[in-house]
Amino acid sequence: MEQVILNIKNKSKIPKVNPAGIKKTKVLKGLEQSVKEVNLIKAGKLKGIPAKDLLNEL
């Protein structure tokens, strides 16, 4: 097994990307949208589809 060691002197130049945070944000936005749609369906402002039809599409 080979190993690569990288010494970084100026850490401020490293982009601060948190993949887990990005995924969490996307999941939360999707969940928020889903809740909004469910509330619209319950209010009769949006037509829902039966779960059986949804599963048949998969």
N, C-alpha and C. Protein backbone atom coordinates (compact mmCIF):
# COMPACT_ATOMS: atom_id res chain seq x y z
N MET A 1 0.85 -1.18 0.00
CA MET A 1 0.00 0.00 0.00
C MET A 1 0.89 1.24 0.00
N GLU A 2 0.57 2.16 -0.89
CA GLU A 2 1.33 3.39 -0.97
C GLU A 2 0.64 4.47 -0.15
N GLN A 3 1.45 5.40 0.31
CA GLN A 3 0.92 6.47 1.14
C GLN A 3 1.40 7.80 0.60
N VAL A 4 0.53 8.78 0.65
CA VAL A 4 0.89 10.13 0.24
C VAL A 4 0.66 11.03 1.43
N ILE A 5 1.67 11.81 1.77
CA ILE A 5 1.57 12.75 2.88
C ILE A 5 1.60 14.15 2.30
N LEU A 6 0.63 14.94 2.70
CA LEU A 6 0.51 16.30 2.19
C LEU A 6 0.56 17.26 3.37
N ASN A 7 1.57 18.09 3.38
CA ASN A 7 1.69 19.11 4.42
C ASN A 7 1.22 20.43 3.86
N ILE A 8 0.25 21.03 4.51
CA ILE A 8 -0.32 22.30 4.05
C ILE A 8 0.06 23.38 5.05
N LYS A 9 0.74 24.39 4.57
CA LYS A 9 1.19 25.46 5.45
C LYS A 9 0.08 26.47 5.72
N ASN A 10 -0.64 26.87 4.68
CA ASN A 10 -1.66 27.89 4.83
C ASN A 10 -3.04 27.24 4.67
N LYS A 11 -3.66 26.88 5.76
CA LYS A 11 -4.93 26.18 5.73
C LYS A 11 -6.09 27.08 5.29
N SER A 12 -5.90 28.39 5.30
CA SER A 12 -6.98 29.29 4.92
C SER A 12 -7.30 29.19 3.42
N LYS A 13 -6.40 28.65 2.62
CA LYS A 13 -6.62 28.52 1.19
C LYS A 13 -7.41 27.26 0.85
N ILE A 14 -7.63 26.40 1.80
CA ILE A 14 -8.38 25.17 1.56
C ILE A 14 -9.86 25.49 1.57
N PRO A 15 -10.59 25.12 0.50
CA PRO A 15 -12.03 25.38 0.51
C PRO A 15 -12.71 24.56 1.60
N LYS A 16 -13.59 25.20 2.32
CA LYS A 16 -14.28 24.52 3.42
C LYS A 16 -15.59 23.95 2.91
N VAL A 17 -15.53 22.70 2.46
CA VAL A 17 -16.70 22.02 1.93
C VAL A 17 -17.02 20.86 2.86
N ASN A 18 -18.26 20.81 3.25
CA ASN A 18 -18.71 19.74 4.14
C ASN A 18 -19.76 18.93 3.39
N PRO A 19 -19.34 17.82 2.74
CA PRO A 19 -20.30 17.02 1.97
C PRO A 19 -21.48 16.53 2.81
N ALA A 20 -21.25 16.20 4.05
CA ALA A 20 -22.34 15.73 4.91
C ALA A 20 -23.34 16.86 5.15
N GLY A 21 -22.84 18.07 5.31
CA GLY A 21 -23.70 19.22 5.51
C GLY A 21 -24.54 19.53 4.28
N ILE A 22 -23.92 19.36 3.10
CA ILE A 22 -24.63 19.60 1.84
C ILE A 22 -25.74 18.57 1.68
N LYS A 23 -25.43 17.31 1.96
CA LYS A 23 -26.44 16.26 1.85
C LYS A 23 -27.57 16.50 2.84
N LYS A 24 -27.22 16.90 4.05
CA LYS A 24 -28.23 17.16 5.07
C LYS A 24 -29.15 18.29 4.64
N THR A 25 -28.57 19.34 4.06
CA THR A 25 -29.35 20.47 3.60
C THR A 25 -30.32 20.04 2.50
N LYS A 26 -29.85 19.22 1.56
CA LYS A 26 -30.71 18.75 0.48
C LYS A 26 -31.84 17.89 1.02
N VAL A 27 -31.52 17.04 1.97
CA VAL A 27 -32.55 16.17 2.56
C VAL A 27 -33.59 17.00 3.29
N LEU A 28 -33.14 17.98 4.05
CA LEU A 28 -34.07 18.83 4.79
C LEU A 28 -34.96 19.65 3.86
N LYS A 29 -34.39 20.15 2.77
CA LYS A 29 -35.19 20.92 1.80
C LYS A 29 -36.23 20.00 1.15
N GLY A 30 -35.83 18.78 0.80
CA GLY A 30 -36.75 17.84 0.21
C GLY A 30 -37.87 17.46 1.17
N LEU A 31 -37.50 17.27 2.42
CA LEU A 31 -38.50 16.94 3.44
C LEU A 31 -39.47 18.09 3.65
N GLU A 32 -38.94 19.30 3.66
CA GLU A 32 -39.78 20.48 3.83
C GLU A 32 -40.77 20.60 2.67
N GLN A 33 -40.30 20.36 1.46
CA GLN A 33 -41.17 20.41 0.28
C GLN A 33 -42.25 19.33 0.37
N SER A 34 -41.88 18.15 0.82
CA SER A 34 -42.83 17.05 0.96
C SER A 34 -43.94 17.40 1.95
N VAL A 35 -43.57 18.00 3.07
CA VAL A 35 -44.55 18.39 4.08
C VAL A 35 -45.50 19.43 3.52
N LYS A 36 -44.96 20.39 2.75
CA LYS A 36 -45.81 21.41 2.14
C LYS A 36 -46.82 20.76 1.19
N GLU A 37 -46.35 19.80 0.39
CA GLU A 37 -47.24 19.13 -0.56
C GLU A 37 -48.32 18.33 0.17
N VAL A 38 -47.95 17.65 1.24
CA VAL A 38 -48.93 16.88 2.01
C VAL A 38 -49.98 17.82 2.58
N ASN A 39 -49.56 18.95 3.10
CA ASN A 39 -50.52 19.93 3.65
C ASN A 39 -51.45 20.46 2.57
N LEU A 40 -50.92 20.68 1.36
CA LEU A 40 -51.77 21.14 0.26
C LEU A 40 -52.77 20.06 -0.15
N ILE A 41 -52.33 18.82 -0.14
CA ILE A 41 -53.23 17.71 -0.47
C ILE A 41 -54.35 17.62 0.57
N LYS A 42 -53.98 17.73 1.84
CA LYS A 42 -54.97 17.67 2.92
C LYS A 42 -55.97 18.82 2.81
N ALA A 43 -55.51 19.98 2.36
CA ALA A 43 -56.37 21.15 2.23
C ALA A 43 -57.21 21.10 0.96
N GLY A 44 -56.95 20.11 0.11
CA GLY A 44 -57.70 19.97 -1.13
C GLY A 44 -57.23 20.89 -2.24
N LYS A 45 -56.06 21.50 -2.08
CA LYS A 45 -55.54 22.42 -3.09
C LYS A 45 -54.62 21.72 -4.08
N LEU A 46 -54.29 20.48 -3.80
CA LEU A 46 -53.41 19.70 -4.67
C LEU A 46 -53.93 18.28 -4.68
N LYS A 47 -53.89 17.66 -5.86
CA LYS A 47 -54.41 16.31 -5.96
C LYS A 47 -53.27 15.32 -5.68
N GLY A 48 -53.51 14.42 -4.77
CA GLY A 48 -52.53 13.39 -4.45
C GLY A 48 -52.75 12.15 -5.29
N ILE A 49 -51.80 11.23 -5.22
CA ILE A 49 -51.97 9.96 -5.92
C ILE A 49 -51.96 8.84 -4.87
N PRO A 50 -52.75 7.81 -5.10
CA PRO A 50 -52.77 6.70 -4.15
C PRO A 50 -51.41 6.02 -4.05
N ALA A 51 -51.09 5.52 -2.86
CA ALA A 51 -49.80 4.86 -2.63
C ALA A 51 -49.61 3.67 -3.57
N LYS A 52 -50.69 2.96 -3.87
CA LYS A 52 -50.61 1.80 -4.76
C LYS A 52 -50.12 2.23 -6.14
N ASP A 53 -50.64 3.35 -6.65
CA ASP A 53 -50.21 3.85 -7.96
C ASP A 53 -48.75 4.29 -7.93
N LEU A 54 -48.36 4.91 -6.83
CA LEU A 54 -46.99 5.34 -6.67
C LEU A 54 -46.04 4.15 -6.70
N LEU A 55 -46.38 3.08 -5.97
CA LEU A 55 -45.54 1.88 -5.93
C LEU A 55 -45.50 1.20 -7.29
N ASN A 56 -46.60 1.23 -8.03
CA ASN A 56 -46.62 0.63 -9.37
C ASN A 56 -45.70 1.35 -10.34
N GLU A 57 -45.50 2.65 -10.13
CA GLU A 57 -44.60 3.41 -10.99
C GLU A 57 -43.14 3.03 -10.78
N LEU A 58 -42.82 2.54 -9.59
CA LEU A 58 -41.44 2.16 -9.30
C LEU A 58 -41.13 0.87 -9.98
